[in-house]
Amino acid sequence: MKTESIWTIVGVVIAVAIAWFLVEVVLSVMWFFAKVAAVIFVAVIVYFALHALLNRKR
């Protein structure tokens, strides 16, 4: 096996490892923002529900 072939294989393995890491990070960040958006959405609904209930009693 030539040295050039070995470096090609090493380069492919490193590229796959870096891509795997980057995809993992990007998906984690996307999942975090999706959870934050869901929390904000539910908080707004709860806020308006409580606001309506408290104003109705006055």
Protein backbone atom coordinates (compact mmCIF):
# COMPACT_ATOMS: atom_id res chain seq x y z
CA MET A 1 0.00 0.00 0.00
CA LYS A 2 1.35 3.41 -0.94
CA THR A 3 1.81 6.19 1.58
CA GLU A 4 -0.58 8.33 -0.47
CA SER A 5 -3.34 5.73 -0.07
CA ILE A 6 -2.82 5.59 3.68
CA TRP A 7 -3.06 9.38 3.98
CA THR A 8 -6.23 9.31 1.88
CA ILE A 9 -7.80 6.77 4.22
CA VAL A 10 -6.69 8.75 7.29
CA GLY A 11 -8.13 11.91 5.73
CA VAL A 12 -11.47 10.22 5.06
CA VAL A 13 -11.65 8.91 8.63
CA ILE A 14 -10.85 12.36 10.04
CA ALA A 15 -13.41 13.99 7.72
CA VAL A 16 -16.11 11.55 8.83
CA ALA A 17 -15.26 12.11 12.50
CA ILE A 18 -15.41 15.90 12.10
CA ALA A 19 -18.67 15.69 10.15
CA TRP A 20 -20.18 13.41 12.81
CA PHE A 21 -19.19 15.87 15.55
CA LEU A 22 -20.54 18.89 13.64
CA VAL A 23 -23.86 17.20 12.89
CA GLU A 24 -24.17 16.22 16.56
CA VAL A 25 -23.54 19.82 17.66
CA VAL A 26 -25.92 21.32 15.08
CA LEU A 27 -28.71 18.89 15.99
CA SER A 28 -28.20 19.57 19.70
CA VAL A 29 -28.43 23.32 19.13
CA MET A 30 -31.53 22.89 16.94
CA TRP A 31 -33.16 20.67 19.59
CA PHE A 32 -32.35 23.26 22.28
CA PHE A 33 -33.98 26.07 20.26
CA ALA A 34 -37.00 23.86 19.54
CA LYS A 35 -37.44 23.25 23.28
CA VAL A 36 -37.05 26.97 24.01
CA ALA A 37 -39.67 27.81 21.38
CA ALA A 38 -42.07 25.24 22.87
CA VAL A 39 -41.56 26.63 26.37
CA ILE A 40 -42.18 30.19 25.17
CA PHE A 41 -45.32 29.08 23.31
CA VAL A 42 -46.73 27.28 26.36
CA ALA A 43 -45.78 30.17 28.66
CA VAL A 44 -47.67 32.65 26.47
CA ILE A 45 -50.76 30.42 26.47
CA VAL A 46 -50.61 30.00 30.26
CA TYR A 47 -50.09 33.75 30.73
CA PHE A 48 -53.16 34.65 28.68
CA ALA A 49 -55.23 31.93 30.36
CA LEU A 50 -54.30 33.19 33.82
CA HIS A 51 -54.83 36.77 32.74
CA ALA A 52 -58.32 35.93 31.47
CA LEU A 53 -59.21 34.00 34.63
CA LEU A 54 -58.02 36.74 36.97
CA ASN A 55 -59.72 39.54 35.03
CA ARG A 56 -63.00 37.64 34.93
CA LYS A 57 -63.15 37.51 38.75
CA ARG A 58 -62.83 41.29 39.12
